[in-house]
Amino acid sequence: MLDAPQPEGDIIGYFDGMPISGAVTDRTGKRYEYAAVVPRSSDGSLDVQTLHFGEWVVEPGLKYLLRKTAKAARGI
């Protein structure tokens, strides 16, 4: 989980009654872009086994991708 993420950018939707920010920053200033909703296991916990390198969870279960990793994934 990201420690103390701060919303940055536009609200791109809502999940579980909460706004989804297009990006967040952490305490060190690193920027993460919204990627997806994290799936849940059959017991209701977040399925963190689905995360890949550079992906982090932000409550209430949103997946964000470290910006430089996101650019590489898109070939930028």
N, C-alpha and C. Protein backbone atom coordinates (compact mmCIF):
# COMPACT_ATOMS: atom_id res chain seq x y z
N MET A 1 0.83 -1.18 0.00
CA MET A 1 0.00 0.00 0.00
C MET A 1 0.88 1.24 0.00
N LEU A 2 0.43 2.23 -0.72
CA LEU A 2 1.14 3.50 -0.71
C LEU A 2 0.90 4.21 0.62
N ASP A 3 1.94 4.82 1.14
CA ASP A 3 1.86 5.54 2.41
C ASP A 3 1.43 6.98 2.16
N ALA A 4 0.30 7.35 2.70
CA ALA A 4 -0.23 8.72 2.64
C ALA A 4 -0.31 9.28 1.21
N PRO A 5 -0.98 8.55 0.29
CA PRO A 5 -1.10 9.08 -1.08
C PRO A 5 -1.94 10.34 -1.12
N GLN A 6 -1.53 11.27 -1.96
CA GLN A 6 -2.26 12.52 -2.15
C GLN A 6 -2.83 12.55 -3.56
N PRO A 7 -4.14 12.81 -3.70
CA PRO A 7 -4.74 12.88 -5.03
C PRO A 7 -4.08 13.96 -5.89
N GLU A 8 -3.95 13.66 -7.15
CA GLU A 8 -3.40 14.62 -8.11
C GLU A 8 -4.09 14.39 -9.44
N GLY A 9 -4.43 15.44 -10.11
CA GLY A 9 -5.09 15.29 -11.40
C GLY A 9 -6.60 15.23 -11.26
N ASP A 10 -7.22 14.88 -12.36
CA ASP A 10 -8.68 14.86 -12.45
C ASP A 10 -9.29 13.65 -11.76
N ILE A 11 -10.54 13.79 -11.35
CA ILE A 11 -11.34 12.67 -10.88
C ILE A 11 -11.82 11.94 -12.13
N ILE A 12 -11.50 10.65 -12.23
CA ILE A 12 -11.84 9.92 -13.45
C ILE A 12 -13.01 8.94 -13.26
N GLY A 13 -13.52 8.88 -12.05
CA GLY A 13 -14.66 8.00 -11.77
C GLY A 13 -14.84 7.83 -10.28
N TYR A 14 -15.68 6.87 -9.93
CA TYR A 14 -15.96 6.59 -8.51
C TYR A 14 -15.93 5.08 -8.29
N PHE A 15 -15.46 4.68 -7.13
CA PHE A 15 -15.44 3.28 -6.75
C PHE A 15 -15.81 3.18 -5.28
N ASP A 16 -16.78 2.36 -4.98
CA ASP A 16 -17.22 2.17 -3.60
C ASP A 16 -17.60 3.51 -2.95
N GLY A 17 -18.19 4.40 -3.76
CA GLY A 17 -18.63 5.70 -3.26
C GLY A 17 -17.53 6.74 -3.09
N MET A 18 -16.31 6.40 -3.48
CA MET A 18 -15.19 7.33 -3.33
C MET A 18 -14.65 7.72 -4.70
N PRO A 19 -14.16 8.96 -4.85
CA PRO A 19 -13.61 9.38 -6.13
C PRO A 19 -12.31 8.66 -6.46
N ILE A 20 -12.11 8.40 -7.75
CA ILE A 20 -10.86 7.82 -8.25
C ILE A 20 -10.07 8.96 -8.87
N SER A 21 -8.90 9.22 -8.33
CA SER A 21 -8.03 10.25 -8.88
C SER A 21 -7.21 9.64 -10.02
N GLY A 22 -7.02 10.40 -11.08
CA GLY A 22 -6.23 9.93 -12.22
C GLY A 22 -4.79 9.64 -11.85
N ALA A 23 -4.31 10.27 -10.79
CA ALA A 23 -2.95 10.06 -10.31
C ALA A 23 -2.88 10.41 -8.83
N VAL A 24 -1.87 9.87 -8.17
CA VAL A 24 -1.58 10.21 -6.78
C VAL A 24 -0.08 10.39 -6.63
N THR A 25 0.32 11.09 -5.58
CA THR A 25 1.74 11.19 -5.25
C THR A 25 1.94 10.64 -3.84
N ASP A 26 3.14 10.11 -3.58
CA ASP A 26 3.44 9.62 -2.24
C ASP A 26 4.23 10.67 -1.48
N ARG A 27 4.66 10.32 -0.27
CA ARG A 27 5.39 11.28 0.58
C ARG A 27 6.69 11.77 -0.03
N THR A 28 7.29 10.96 -0.91
CA THR A 28 8.58 11.35 -1.52
C THR A 28 8.39 12.12 -2.81
N GLY A 29 7.12 12.29 -3.24
CA GLY A 29 6.85 13.04 -4.46
C GLY A 29 6.75 12.18 -5.71
N LYS A 30 6.90 10.86 -5.57
CA LYS A 30 6.75 9.99 -6.74
C LYS A 30 5.30 10.00 -7.18
N ARG A 31 5.10 9.95 -8.48
CA ARG A 31 3.76 10.02 -9.06
C ARG A 31 3.33 8.64 -9.57
N TYR A 32 2.08 8.30 -9.29
CA TYR A 32 1.51 7.02 -9.70
C TYR A 32 0.24 7.29 -10.48
N GLU A 33 0.03 6.57 -11.57
CA GLU A 33 -1.16 6.73 -12.40
C GLU A 33 -2.14 5.59 -12.14
N TYR A 34 -3.43 5.93 -12.15
CA TYR A 34 -4.47 4.92 -11.94
C TYR A 34 -4.35 3.84 -13.00
N ALA A 35 -4.46 2.57 -12.56
CA ALA A 35 -4.38 1.45 -13.50
C ALA A 35 -5.66 0.61 -13.52
N ALA A 36 -6.22 0.28 -12.33
CA ALA A 36 -7.38 -0.61 -12.28
C ALA A 36 -7.87 -0.76 -10.85
N VAL A 37 -8.96 -1.47 -10.70
CA VAL A 37 -9.43 -1.90 -9.39
C VAL A 37 -8.74 -3.22 -9.09
N VAL A 38 -8.24 -3.39 -7.87
CA VAL A 38 -7.58 -4.64 -7.48
C VAL A 38 -8.65 -5.70 -7.22
N PRO A 39 -8.51 -6.88 -7.84
CA PRO A 39 -9.49 -7.94 -7.57
C PRO A 39 -9.44 -8.38 -6.12
N ARG A 40 -10.53 -8.98 -5.68
CA ARG A 40 -10.59 -9.49 -4.30
C ARG A 40 -10.62 -11.01 -4.33
N SER A 41 -10.00 -11.60 -3.30
CA SER A 41 -10.02 -13.06 -3.12
C SER A 41 -11.40 -13.49 -2.66
N SER A 42 -11.64 -14.78 -2.63
CA SER A 42 -12.95 -15.30 -2.22
C SER A 42 -13.31 -14.92 -0.79
N ASP A 43 -12.30 -14.62 0.04
CA ASP A 43 -12.58 -14.21 1.42
C ASP A 43 -12.79 -12.70 1.56
N GLY A 44 -12.73 -11.98 0.43
CA GLY A 44 -12.98 -10.55 0.43
C GLY A 44 -11.74 -9.68 0.57
N SER A 45 -10.58 -10.30 0.83
CA SER A 45 -9.35 -9.51 0.95
C SER A 45 -8.81 -9.16 -0.44
N LEU A 46 -7.99 -8.13 -0.49
CA LEU A 46 -7.40 -7.73 -1.76
C LEU A 46 -6.46 -8.82 -2.25
N ASP A 47 -6.55 -9.16 -3.53
CA ASP A 47 -5.70 -10.19 -4.11
C ASP A 47 -4.40 -9.55 -4.60
N VAL A 48 -3.49 -9.33 -3.68
CA VAL A 48 -2.23 -8.64 -4.01
C VAL A 48 -1.33 -9.48 -4.90
N GLN A 49 -1.64 -10.77 -5.05
CA GLN A 49 -0.85 -11.63 -5.96
C GLN A 49 -1.03 -11.18 -7.41
N THR A 50 -2.06 -10.38 -7.70
CA THR A 50 -2.28 -9.91 -9.07
C THR A 50 -1.45 -8.68 -9.41
N LEU A 51 -0.77 -8.11 -8.42
CA LEU A 51 0.04 -6.91 -8.67
C LEU A 51 1.32 -7.28 -9.41
N HIS A 52 1.77 -6.37 -10.27
CA HIS A 52 3.02 -6.53 -11.00
C HIS A 52 4.03 -5.49 -10.52
N PHE A 53 5.23 -5.58 -11.03
CA PHE A 53 6.28 -4.65 -10.67
C PHE A 53 5.82 -3.21 -10.87
N GLY A 54 6.02 -2.38 -9.87
CA GLY A 54 5.67 -0.96 -9.96
C GLY A 54 4.23 -0.64 -9.65
N GLU A 55 3.41 -1.65 -9.33
CA GLU A 55 2.00 -1.41 -9.01
C GLU A 55 1.80 -1.39 -7.50
N TRP A 56 0.99 -0.45 -7.04
CA TRP A 56 0.74 -0.27 -5.61
C TRP A 56 -0.75 -0.11 -5.38
N VAL A 57 -1.19 -0.45 -4.17
CA VAL A 57 -2.59 -0.36 -3.80
C VAL A 57 -2.85 0.93 -3.02
N VAL A 58 -3.95 1.58 -3.36
CA VAL A 58 -4.45 2.73 -2.62
C VAL A 58 -5.87 2.38 -2.20
N GLU A 59 -6.19 2.57 -0.91
CA GLU A 59 -7.53 2.28 -0.42
C GLU A 59 -8.56 3.08 -1.19
N PRO A 60 -9.69 2.52 -1.56
CA PRO A 60 -10.31 1.30 -1.06
C PRO A 60 -10.04 0.06 -1.90
N GLY A 61 -8.91 0.01 -2.58
CA GLY A 61 -8.59 -1.17 -3.41
C GLY A 61 -8.31 -0.79 -4.85
N LEU A 62 -7.67 0.34 -5.05
CA LEU A 62 -7.34 0.81 -6.39
C LEU A 62 -5.87 0.55 -6.67
N LYS A 63 -5.57 0.15 -7.91
CA LYS A 63 -4.21 -0.13 -8.33
C LYS A 63 -3.64 1.09 -9.05
N TYR A 64 -2.47 1.54 -8.61
CA TYR A 64 -1.77 2.64 -9.25
C TYR A 64 -0.39 2.16 -9.68
N LEU A 65 0.09 2.68 -10.80
CA LEU A 65 1.35 2.28 -11.39
C LEU A 65 2.33 3.44 -11.33
N LEU A 66 3.53 3.18 -10.81
CA LEU A 66 4.57 4.20 -10.74
C LEU A 66 4.75 4.81 -12.11
N ARG A 67 4.81 6.12 -12.21
CA ARG A 67 4.77 6.83 -13.49
C ARG A 67 5.81 6.35 -14.47
N LYS A 68 7.08 6.24 -14.08
CA LYS A 68 8.09 5.84 -15.07
C LYS A 68 7.83 4.41 -15.54
N THR A 69 7.27 3.56 -14.68
CA THR A 69 6.91 2.21 -15.08
C THR A 69 5.73 2.25 -16.05
N ALA A 70 4.79 3.15 -15.79
CA ALA A 70 3.62 3.28 -16.66
C ALA A 70 4.06 3.70 -18.06
N LYS A 71 5.00 4.63 -18.15
CA LYS A 71 5.48 5.08 -19.47
C LYS A 71 6.15 3.94 -20.20
N ALA A 72 6.98 3.16 -19.51
CA ALA A 72 7.66 2.04 -20.14
C ALA A 72 6.67 1.00 -20.64
N ALA A 73 5.61 0.76 -19.86
CA ALA A 73 4.60 -0.22 -20.24
C ALA A 73 3.86 0.22 -21.51
N ARG A 74 3.74 1.53 -21.71
CA ARG A 74 3.06 2.06 -22.90
C ARG A 74 4.03 2.34 -24.03
N GLY A 75 5.34 2.10 -23.80
CA GLY A 75 6.33 2.34 -24.85
C GLY A 75 6.67 3.81 -25.04
N ILE A 76 6.48 4.62 -24.00
CA ILE A 76 6.76 6.06 -24.08
C ILE A 76 8.18 6.32 -23.65
